Amino acid sequence: MKVIFETERLIIREITRADSQVMLELHSDPEVHIYLGNNTITSLDKIEEAIESLIQQYSDYGVGRWAMISKDTNEFIGWTGLQYVTKEINKHKNFYDLGYRLLKSFWRQGYATESARASVDFAFNTLKAEKIYGMADIGNVGSNKILKRVGLELTETFEHEGVEHNWYRLEKENYIV
């Protein structure tokens, strides 16, 4: 398992097949998916397919969603990171998308912001990306706040899979550490 970086409270590492059970716990929770189209995953086989897809992303693009591990307890608390998106979303294709998802017991403790901020830094300083994007359901107050807090700017609202979303962008030249 490859560690990508560390923050004050987190170890950010690649997700592995050994994370299948906790990933199932995360992705089968309807509350976690309330602003994600309510598309929960309740089958271990489907989670294992998703993990294989992540492993392929690491291989193909050097990025993907990464596990957030608590330094204090060594617990998997969710995932974070950059996904290289090759399909078209909001008239954009082949871009870095910032995202995060946490187990409910870790909500509202600053982990998503901490990991997102470090992921932005990784995008610009390690990947040498010119810009990154993020999107959030307009009703997802927490996620919208996090994207703004880490420096992304709201550029427009658009419809994605029948739901209104906010679209965010941050360009390297506007990135302030």
Protein backbone atom coordinates (compact mmCIF):
# COMPACT_ATOMS: atom_id res chain seq x y z
CA MET A 1 0.00 0.00 0.00
CA LYS A 2 1.40 3.33 -1.08
CA VAL A 3 1.21 6.39 1.17
CA ILE A 4 0.54 9.48 -0.94
CA PHE A 5 1.00 12.15 1.75
CA GLU A 6 0.23 12.94 5.38
CA THR A 7 -1.57 15.82 7.03
CA GLU A 8 -1.66 16.82 10.67
CA ARG A 9 -4.22 14.13 11.55
CA LEU A 10 -4.36 11.89 8.51
CA ILE A 11 -2.41 9.39 6.49
CA ILE A 12 -3.56 9.51 2.87
CA ARG A 13 -2.84 6.26 1.05
CA GLU A 14 -4.02 4.23 -1.89
CA ILE A 15 -7.16 2.19 -1.34
CA THR A 16 -6.49 -1.55 -1.47
CA ARG A 17 -8.56 -4.71 -1.77
CA ALA A 18 -8.18 -5.08 2.01
CA ASP A 19 -10.42 -2.00 2.38
CA SER A 20 -13.42 -3.77 0.81
CA GLN A 21 -15.47 -4.18 3.98
CA VAL A 22 -15.09 -0.61 5.24
CA MET A 23 -15.68 0.73 1.72
CA LEU A 24 -18.91 -1.29 1.67
CA GLU A 25 -19.90 0.27 5.00
CA LEU A 26 -19.27 3.74 3.56
CA HIS A 27 -20.99 3.21 0.23
CA SER A 28 -24.02 1.31 1.53
CA ASP A 29 -25.04 4.11 3.93
CA PRO A 30 -28.06 5.97 2.47
CA GLU A 31 -27.22 9.11 4.50
CA VAL A 32 -23.75 9.25 2.93
CA HIS A 33 -25.35 9.04 -0.52
CA ILE A 34 -28.22 11.48 -0.01
CA TYR A 35 -26.54 14.09 -2.27
CA LEU A 36 -24.95 11.51 -4.57
CA GLY A 37 -28.03 10.34 -6.41
CA ASN A 38 -28.93 7.91 -3.62
CA ASN A 39 -26.89 5.27 -5.47
CA THR A 40 -25.73 3.14 -2.60
CA ILE A 41 -23.64 0.04 -3.18
CA THR A 42 -24.78 -2.90 -1.09
CA SER A 43 -22.85 -5.75 -2.67
CA LEU A 44 -19.28 -6.71 -1.81
CA ASP A 45 -18.77 -7.71 -5.45
CA LYS A 46 -19.67 -4.18 -6.62
CA ILE A 47 -17.33 -2.63 -4.04
CA GLU A 48 -14.53 -4.90 -5.19
CA GLU A 49 -15.20 -3.78 -8.80
CA ALA A 50 -15.03 -0.15 -7.66
CA ILE A 51 -11.72 -0.79 -5.89
CA GLU A 52 -10.32 -2.45 -9.01
CA SER A 53 -11.33 0.67 -10.94
CA LEU A 54 -9.48 2.84 -8.40
CA ILE A 55 -6.38 0.67 -8.70
CA GLN A 56 -6.55 1.11 -12.47
CA GLN A 57 -6.81 4.91 -12.01
CA TYR A 58 -3.64 4.84 -9.91
CA SER A 59 -1.90 2.93 -12.67
CA ASP A 60 -3.25 4.98 -15.59
CA TYR A 61 -3.16 8.51 -14.15
CA GLY A 62 -1.14 8.40 -10.92
CA VAL A 63 -4.15 9.65 -8.94
CA GLY A 64 -7.49 8.48 -7.69
CA ARG A 65 -9.59 8.48 -4.59
CA TRP A 66 -7.33 7.70 -1.63
CA ALA A 67 -8.04 6.28 1.81
CA MET A 68 -8.09 8.67 4.77
CA ILE A 69 -6.59 6.95 7.79
CA SER A 70 -6.67 8.51 11.27
CA LYS A 71 -3.15 8.87 12.65
CA ASP A 72 -4.54 8.54 16.18
CA THR A 73 -6.55 5.33 15.75
CA ASN A 74 -5.36 3.90 12.41
CA GLU A 75 -9.05 3.75 11.36
CA PHE A 76 -10.26 4.13 7.80
CA ILE A 77 -12.50 7.19 8.00
CA GLY A 78 -13.32 7.73 4.33
CA TRP A 79 -11.73 8.63 1.05
CA THR A 80 -10.42 11.82 -0.51
CA GLY A 81 -8.39 12.97 -3.44
CA LEU A 82 -8.28 13.61 -7.11
CA GLN A 83 -9.93 11.62 -9.82
CA TYR A 84 -8.89 12.07 -13.42
CA VAL A 85 -12.22 12.31 -15.24
CA THR A 86 -12.16 11.21 -18.87
CA LYS A 87 -15.90 11.35 -19.56
CA GLU A 88 -17.62 14.64 -20.24
CA ILE A 89 -19.23 16.41 -17.29
CA ASN A 90 -20.53 19.96 -17.64
CA LYS A 91 -18.80 20.38 -21.02
CA HIS A 92 -15.43 19.42 -19.47
CA LYS A 93 -13.40 16.31 -20.20
CA ASN A 94 -9.97 15.05 -19.07
CA PHE A 95 -9.75 17.02 -15.85
CA TYR A 96 -8.85 16.56 -12.18
CA ASP A 97 -11.89 16.40 -9.91
CA LEU A 98 -11.53 16.99 -6.18
CA GLY A 99 -13.72 14.79 -3.99
CA TYR A 100 -14.12 13.27 -0.55
CA ARG A 101 -16.50 10.98 1.28
CA LEU A 102 -16.51 10.08 4.98
CA LEU A 103 -18.16 7.59 7.26
CA LYS A 104 -20.92 9.42 9.19
CA SER A 105 -19.14 9.06 12.52
CA PHE A 106 -16.39 11.34 11.15
CA TRP A 107 -18.59 14.11 9.72
CA ARG A 108 -18.16 17.69 10.94
CA GLN A 109 -14.68 17.17 12.38
CA GLY A 110 -12.70 18.95 9.66
CA TYR A 111 -11.28 15.83 8.02
CA ALA A 112 -12.78 16.54 4.58
CA THR A 113 -11.40 20.08 4.60
CA GLU A 114 -7.99 18.95 5.84
CA SER A 115 -7.70 16.23 3.22
CA ALA A 116 -9.14 18.40 0.41
CA ARG A 117 -6.66 21.18 1.15
CA ALA A 118 -3.77 18.71 1.00
CA SER A 119 -5.17 17.21 -2.23
CA VAL A 120 -5.24 20.67 -3.83
CA ASP A 121 -1.63 21.18 -2.79
CA PHE A 122 -0.73 17.77 -4.25
CA ALA A 123 -2.48 18.66 -7.54
CA PHE A 124 -0.53 21.86 -8.05
CA ASN A 125 2.83 21.04 -6.48
CA THR A 126 3.27 17.34 -7.28
CA LEU A 127 1.12 16.75 -10.37
CA LYS A 128 1.83 20.26 -11.73
CA ALA A 129 -1.83 20.53 -12.73
CA GLU A 130 -2.90 23.85 -14.21
CA LYS A 131 -6.43 23.67 -12.76
CA ILE A 132 -8.73 21.44 -10.77
CA TYR A 133 -12.49 21.20 -10.57
CA GLY A 134 -15.09 20.13 -8.06
CA MET A 135 -18.83 19.79 -8.06
CA ALA A 136 -21.51 19.44 -5.41
CA ASP A 137 -25.26 19.04 -5.31
CA ILE A 138 -26.61 22.54 -4.58
CA GLY A 139 -28.35 21.16 -1.49
CA ASN A 140 -25.16 19.74 -0.01
CA VAL A 141 -24.26 22.71 2.18
CA GLY A 142 -21.26 21.00 3.80
CA SER A 143 -19.58 19.96 0.58
CA ASN A 144 -20.16 23.37 -1.02
CA LYS A 145 -18.55 25.07 1.99
CA ILE A 146 -15.54 22.76 1.85
CA LEU A 147 -14.89 23.38 -1.84
CA LYS A 148 -14.97 27.15 -1.23
CA ARG A 149 -12.90 26.87 1.95
CA VAL A 150 -10.03 25.16 0.11
CA GLY A 151 -9.97 27.82 -2.59
CA LEU A 152 -12.21 26.62 -5.40
CA GLU A 153 -14.48 29.26 -6.88
CA LEU A 154 -18.08 28.71 -7.87
CA THR A 155 -18.30 29.32 -11.62
CA GLU A 156 -21.79 28.11 -12.49
CA THR A 157 -24.71 25.85 -11.70
CA PHE A 158 -25.56 22.98 -14.04
CA GLU A 159 -27.73 19.90 -14.20
CA HIS A 160 -26.02 16.56 -13.64
CA GLU A 161 -28.05 13.36 -13.79
CA GLY A 162 -31.25 15.35 -13.27
CA VAL A 163 -29.99 17.26 -10.22
CA GLU A 164 -28.73 20.86 -9.96
CA HIS A 165 -25.05 21.02 -9.02
CA ASN A 166 -22.58 23.79 -8.36
CA TRP A 167 -19.42 23.71 -10.49
CA TYR A 168 -16.14 24.91 -8.99
CA ARG A 169 -12.70 25.63 -10.43
CA LEU A 170 -9.30 26.61 -9.09
CA GLU A 171 -6.46 27.57 -11.38
CA LYS A 172 -2.86 27.19 -10.32
CA GLU A 173 -2.16 30.89 -10.80
CA ASN A 174 -4.88 31.68 -8.21
CA TYR A 175 -3.74 29.04 -5.73
CA ILE A 176 -2.68 30.49 -2.38
CA VAL A 177 -1.03 28.17 0.12
